């Protein structure tokens, strides 16, 4: 019923069941279902105006006899919205006025006084989560969809942030030609402060990559670096990444190696250099 709903899902409940209803509504919204929470008392004083015929009402109530909840059932039925109830009482007024009953056979609470809602609220919460997860599977809800709905925080960054969002490009992208001088190479690395430079052809295709580590190796051997050519220093088969890759995946590539990589060239599908990405630039985003 919820999957085929042309309107929205309105979750309602009062007291501790209301707290659970709010959580269920929030979970549904964050996983791609148009949903909202409606407090029964507010509903009795005008907020039922949000209810439409195409909506589905998901009502949470252990006893199914809460006065506030029953007070909005009549108008909801007249509007024509369908009602799904989560209740522990099959003989309740709520259950008898529901199109679908999700029965939670809770006879006693974990509370030693059998008063505080514990088992009943946990059961209702589990059902709500099960509904949300089932809808995700039916809609083929992907991590990219989840990220789109969570643009803030670490979750959103992990799912949405790409290399293209972080990489240094244009004037900030250090590049040299294969026939450039060692002096120009050193100037480019120093000027752009990336600790590396991409060696490119006239058509911008990647030919190699030079890092400050490559330079240090030559200096440690006490060789004359200025007598070298670019091709003598560069790595002709460097690891590279694409701008559309997730930043968190690239960070894993950098870190999960015997010797960590701190900087990588970025290319497009035509093998042309479009930028450079540094580990610190990724970490600065909070990943």
Protein backbone atom coordinates (compact mmCIF):
# COMPACT_ATOMS: atom_id res chain seq x y z
CA UNK A 1 0.00 0.00 0.00
CA UNK A 2 2.76 2.45 0.93
CA UNK A 3 4.80 1.55 -2.15
CA UNK A 4 1.84 2.33 -4.41
CA UNK A 5 0.82 5.43 -2.46
CA UNK A 6 0.40 8.41 -4.79
CA UNK A 7 0.38 10.87 -1.92
CA UNK A 8 2.45 10.97 1.24
CA UNK A 9 2.77 8.81 4.32
CA UNK A 10 1.55 10.52 7.49
CA UNK A 11 2.80 8.83 10.65
CA UNK A 12 0.91 9.58 13.83
CA UNK A 13 0.88 8.55 17.47
CA UNK A 14 0.74 10.07 20.94
CA UNK A 15 2.99 9.75 23.99
CA UNK A 16 5.85 7.28 23.66
CA UNK A 17 4.16 5.89 20.56
CA UNK A 18 4.32 9.43 19.20
CA UNK A 19 8.08 9.47 19.75
CA UNK A 20 8.35 6.23 17.79
CA UNK A 21 6.09 7.64 15.08
CA UNK A 22 8.38 10.66 14.70
CA UNK A 23 11.38 8.38 14.29
CA UNK A 24 9.60 6.22 11.72
CA UNK A 25 8.62 9.31 9.73
CA UNK A 26 12.20 10.60 9.81
CA UNK A 27 13.55 7.24 8.62
CA UNK A 28 11.04 7.07 5.77
CA UNK A 29 11.90 10.59 4.63
CA UNK A 30 15.64 9.93 4.71
CA UNK A 31 15.23 6.80 2.60
CA UNK A 32 13.18 8.30 -0.20
CA UNK A 33 9.56 8.09 0.98
CA UNK A 34 7.56 11.31 1.15
CA UNK A 35 6.45 11.27 4.77
CA UNK A 36 5.71 13.47 7.76
CA UNK A 37 4.72 13.22 11.40
CA UNK A 38 1.33 14.51 12.57
CA UNK A 39 0.61 14.92 16.28
CA UNK A 40 -2.98 13.75 16.91
CA UNK A 41 -3.75 16.74 19.13
CA UNK A 42 -2.58 19.15 16.45
CA UNK A 43 -4.64 17.17 13.97
CA UNK A 44 -7.76 17.75 16.07
CA UNK A 45 -7.16 21.49 15.91
CA UNK A 46 -6.72 22.10 12.19
CA UNK A 47 -3.62 20.21 11.13
CA UNK A 48 -5.71 17.48 9.51
CA UNK A 49 -5.68 19.88 6.59
CA UNK A 50 -2.47 18.17 5.45
CA UNK A 51 -4.31 14.89 4.87
CA UNK A 52 -5.38 14.07 1.33
CA UNK A 53 -7.33 11.18 -0.16
CA UNK A 54 -4.21 9.70 -1.77
CA UNK A 55 -2.28 9.65 1.52
CA UNK A 56 -1.59 6.66 3.76
CA UNK A 57 -1.87 7.09 7.52
CA UNK A 58 0.50 4.97 9.62
CA UNK A 59 -0.91 5.09 13.15
CA UNK A 60 1.14 3.82 16.11
CA UNK A 61 -0.66 2.88 19.32
CA UNK A 62 -0.14 -0.07 21.66
CA UNK A 63 -3.63 -0.11 23.13
CA UNK A 64 -5.26 1.40 20.07
CA UNK A 65 -7.59 3.32 22.34
CA UNK A 66 -5.78 6.64 22.88
CA UNK A 67 -8.41 9.37 22.89
CA UNK A 68 -6.31 11.76 20.81
CA UNK A 69 -5.59 9.15 18.15
CA UNK A 70 -9.20 8.01 17.91
CA UNK A 71 -10.31 11.62 17.64
CA UNK A 72 -8.73 12.00 14.20
CA UNK A 73 -9.69 8.59 12.80
CA UNK A 74 -13.22 9.61 11.82
CA UNK A 75 -12.20 12.68 9.79
CA UNK A 76 -9.34 10.72 8.19
CA UNK A 77 -11.77 8.02 7.04
CA UNK A 78 -14.12 10.69 5.65
CA UNK A 79 -11.25 12.27 3.72
CA UNK A 80 -10.61 8.86 2.20
CA UNK A 81 -7.02 8.22 3.26
CA UNK A 82 -6.03 4.62 3.95
CA UNK A 83 -5.03 3.65 7.50
CA UNK A 84 -2.31 1.22 8.55
CA UNK A 85 -2.02 0.60 12.28
CA UNK A 86 0.82 -0.71 14.42
CA UNK A 87 -0.87 -1.99 17.56
CA UNK A 88 -0.75 -4.72 20.19
CA UNK A 89 -4.54 -4.87 20.46
CA UNK A 90 -6.40 -6.53 17.60
CA UNK A 91 -9.74 -5.74 19.23
CA UNK A 92 -9.03 -2.03 19.59
CA UNK A 93 -10.95 0.77 17.95
CA UNK A 94 -7.80 1.68 16.03
CA UNK A 95 -7.43 -1.84 14.66
CA UNK A 96 -11.10 -2.06 13.68
CA UNK A 97 -10.80 1.20 11.73
CA UNK A 98 -7.61 0.19 9.91
CA UNK A 99 -7.27 -1.07 6.36
CA UNK A 100 -4.15 -3.01 7.37
CA UNK A 101 -3.14 -4.08 10.89
CA UNK A 102 0.51 -4.67 11.77
CA UNK A 103 0.10 -6.66 14.95
CA UNK A 104 2.73 -6.53 17.69
CA UNK A 105 1.80 -9.33 20.14
CA UNK A 106 3.21 -7.58 23.20
CA UNK A 107 1.40 -8.67 26.36
CA UNK A 108 3.83 -7.26 28.91
CA UNK A 109 6.44 -4.52 29.05
CA UNK A 110 10.02 -5.04 30.21
CA UNK A 111 9.32 -2.48 32.90
CA UNK A 112 8.94 -4.33 36.28
CA UNK A 113 5.75 -2.37 36.85
CA UNK A 114 4.47 -3.23 33.37
CA UNK A 115 3.74 0.45 32.90
CA UNK A 116 6.53 2.14 30.95
CA UNK A 117 6.38 1.44 27.19
CA UNK A 118 9.49 -0.62 26.43
CA UNK A 119 8.78 -3.85 24.59
CA UNK A 120 5.84 -2.29 22.75
CA UNK A 121 7.78 0.75 21.53
CA UNK A 122 10.74 -1.41 20.50
CA UNK A 123 8.43 -3.69 18.49
CA UNK A 124 6.79 -0.70 16.79
CA UNK A 125 10.19 0.77 15.97
CA UNK A 126 11.36 -2.52 14.45
CA UNK A 127 8.27 -2.65 12.25
CA UNK A 128 8.84 0.94 11.15
CA UNK A 129 12.44 0.20 10.23
CA UNK A 130 11.37 -2.96 8.41
CA UNK A 131 8.89 -0.93 6.35
CA UNK A 132 11.57 1.61 5.44
CA UNK A 133 14.12 -1.05 4.47
CA UNK A 134 11.56 -2.97 2.41
CA UNK A 135 10.61 0.18 0.53
CA UNK A 136 14.30 0.87 -0.14
CA UNK A 137 14.67 -2.56 -1.73
CA UNK A 138 11.46 -2.20 -3.76
CA UNK A 139 12.59 1.20 -5.08
CA UNK A 140 16.16 -0.03 -5.64
CA UNK A 141 17.31 2.85 -3.45
CA UNK A 142 21.08 3.31 -3.94
CA UNK A 143 23.78 4.84 -1.79
CA UNK A 144 23.89 7.74 -4.27
CA UNK A 145 20.20 8.38 -3.59
CA UNK A 146 20.88 8.33 0.14
CA UNK A 147 23.77 10.75 -0.29
CA UNK A 148 21.59 13.12 -2.31
CA UNK A 149 19.22 13.35 0.64
CA UNK A 150 22.08 13.79 3.13
CA UNK A 151 24.30 16.54 1.65
CA UNK A 152 25.49 17.61 5.08
CA UNK A 153 27.78 15.77 7.48
CA UNK A 154 30.21 12.91 7.00
CA UNK A 155 27.63 10.59 5.46
CA UNK A 156 26.85 13.03 2.68
CA UNK A 157 30.50 13.76 2.03
CA UNK A 158 31.42 10.08 1.84
CA UNK A 159 28.63 9.40 -0.62
CA UNK A 160 28.67 12.55 -2.73
CA UNK A 161 32.09 14.19 -2.70
CA UNK A 162 34.06 13.38 -5.85
CA UNK A 163 37.65 13.97 -6.90
CA UNK A 164 36.38 16.68 -9.24
CA UNK A 165 34.94 18.56 -6.27
CA UNK A 166 38.30 18.68 -4.49
CA UNK A 167 41.08 18.48 -7.07
CA UNK A 168 43.27 21.41 -7.99
CA UNK A 169 42.73 22.38 -11.59
CA UNK A 170 43.46 25.17 -14.03
CA UNK A 171 46.23 27.47 -12.83
CA UNK A 172 46.53 25.47 -9.60
CA UNK A 173 47.31 22.25 -11.45
CA UNK A 174 51.10 21.76 -11.87
CA UNK A 175 52.02 20.47 -15.33
CA UNK A 176 55.10 20.45 -17.56
CA UNK A 177 55.90 19.20 -21.04
CA UNK A 178 58.22 16.28 -21.67
CA UNK A 179 60.85 18.55 -23.24
CA UNK A 180 60.75 21.14 -20.43
CA UNK A 181 63.90 21.84 -18.46
CA UNK A 182 64.62 20.53 -14.97
CA UNK A 183 64.63 24.14 -13.80
CA UNK A 184 61.10 24.71 -15.05
CA UNK A 185 60.00 21.46 -13.43
CA UNK A 186 61.39 22.54 -10.04
CA UNK A 187 59.80 25.97 -10.38
CA UNK A 188 56.42 24.44 -11.22
CA UNK A 189 56.50 22.06 -8.24
CA UNK A 190 57.58 24.83 -5.88
CA UNK A 191 55.11 27.38 -7.23
CA UNK A 192 52.03 25.14 -7.11
CA UNK A 193 52.94 23.59 -3.72
CA UNK A 194 51.51 20.17 -4.45
CA UNK A 195 54.73 18.23 -4.07
CA UNK A 196 54.34 16.84 -7.58
CA UNK A 197 53.89 17.69 -11.24
CA UNK A 198 52.20 15.92 -14.16
CA UNK A 199 54.23 15.45 -17.32
CA UNK A 200 51.94 15.97 -20.30
CA UNK A 201 52.05 15.89 -24.08
CA UNK A 202 50.95 18.82 -26.24
CA UNK A 203 47.46 17.30 -26.35
CA UNK A 204 47.30 17.24 -22.51
CA UNK A 205 47.61 13.45 -22.28
CA UNK A 206 49.45 12.10 -19.24
CA UNK A 207 52.98 10.89 -20.01
CA UNK A 208 54.38 10.65 -16.51
CA UNK A 209 54.43 12.00 -12.97
CA UNK A 210 57.19 13.46 -10.81
CA UNK A 211 56.97 13.85 -7.04
CA UNK A 212 59.33 15.51 -4.60
CA UNK A 213 60.23 11.96 -3.51
CA UNK A 214 61.60 11.25 -7.00
CA UNK A 215 63.70 14.39 -6.75
CA UNK A 216 65.01 13.52 -3.28
CA UNK A 217 66.15 10.09 -4.49
CA UNK A 218 68.40 11.73 -7.07
CA UNK A 219 69.77 14.26 -4.61
CA UNK A 220 70.46 11.55 -2.02
CA UNK A 221 72.60 9.80 -4.63
CA UNK A 222 74.50 13.08 -5.00
CA UNK A 223 73.77 13.11 -8.71
CA UNK A 224 73.59 16.33 -10.72
CA UNK A 225 69.86 16.76 -11.17
CA UNK A 226 70.33 19.51 -13.77
CA UNK A 227 72.11 17.06 -16.04
CA UNK A 228 68.99 14.92 -16.15
CA UNK A 229 66.05 15.07 -18.50
CA UNK A 230 62.41 14.96 -17.48
CA UNK A 231 62.03 11.44 -18.84
CA UNK A 232 64.91 10.30 -16.60
CA UNK A 233 63.12 11.41 -13.45
CA UNK A 234 59.43 10.86 -14.10
CA UNK A 235 57.43 7.74 -13.37
CA UNK A 236 56.14 6.76 -16.84
CA UNK A 237 53.36 4.57 -15.42
CA UNK A 238 51.94 6.46 -12.47
CA UNK A 239 48.78 5.59 -10.60
CA UNK A 240 46.06 8.02 -11.63
CA UNK A 241 42.43 8.68 -10.76
CA UNK A 242 39.38 10.01 -12.56
CA UNK A 243 37.54 13.17 -11.58
CA UNK A 244 34.25 11.29 -11.19
CA UNK A 245 35.58 8.89 -8.56
CA UNK A 246 34.40 9.25 -4.98
CA UNK A 247 36.91 11.11 -2.86
CA UNK A 248 36.60 8.56 -0.06
CA UNK A 249 37.55 5.74 -2.46
CA UNK A 250 40.61 7.65 -3.66
CA UNK A 251 41.63 8.26 -0.05
CA UNK A 252 41.53 4.49 0.47
CA UNK A 253 43.75 3.99 -2.60
CA UNK A 254 46.24 6.47 -1.15
CA UNK A 255 46.30 5.03 2.37
CA UNK A 256 45.97 1.29 1.81
CA UNK A 257 49.42 0.75 0.41
CA UNK A 258 52.73 -0.35 1.89
CA UNK A 259 53.96 3.18 1.22
CA UNK A 260 51.19 5.75 1.31
CA UNK A 261 50.63 7.95 -1.74
CA UNK A 262 49.92 11.57 -0.92
CA UNK A 263 49.31 13.04 -4.37
CA UNK A 264 47.92 11.72 -7.65
CA UNK A 265 47.25 13.05 -11.15
CA UNK A 266 43.62 13.30 -12.26
CA UNK A 267 42.67 12.44 -15.83
CA UNK A 268 39.51 12.16 -17.91
CA UNK A 269 38.39 9.21 -20.02
CA UNK A 270 40.55 10.45 -22.90
CA UNK A 271 43.63 10.16 -20.66
CA UNK A 272 44.01 13.94 -20.58
CA UNK A 273 45.16 15.57 -17.35
CA UNK A 274 42.44 17.65 -15.72
CA UNK A 275 43.92 18.19 -12.28
CA UNK A 276 45.84 16.90 -9.30
CA UNK A 277 44.58 15.73 -5.92
CA UNK A 278 46.46 15.75 -2.62
CA UNK A 279 45.63 13.62 0.40
CA UNK A 280 45.52 16.70 2.62
CA UNK A 281 42.87 18.25 0.38
CA UNK A 282 40.66 15.20 0.96
CA UNK A 283 41.30 15.07 4.71
CA UNK A 284 40.54 18.78 4.96
CA UNK A 285 36.98 17.94 3.88
CA UNK A 286 36.54 15.80 6.98
CA UNK A 287 36.76 12.39 5.33
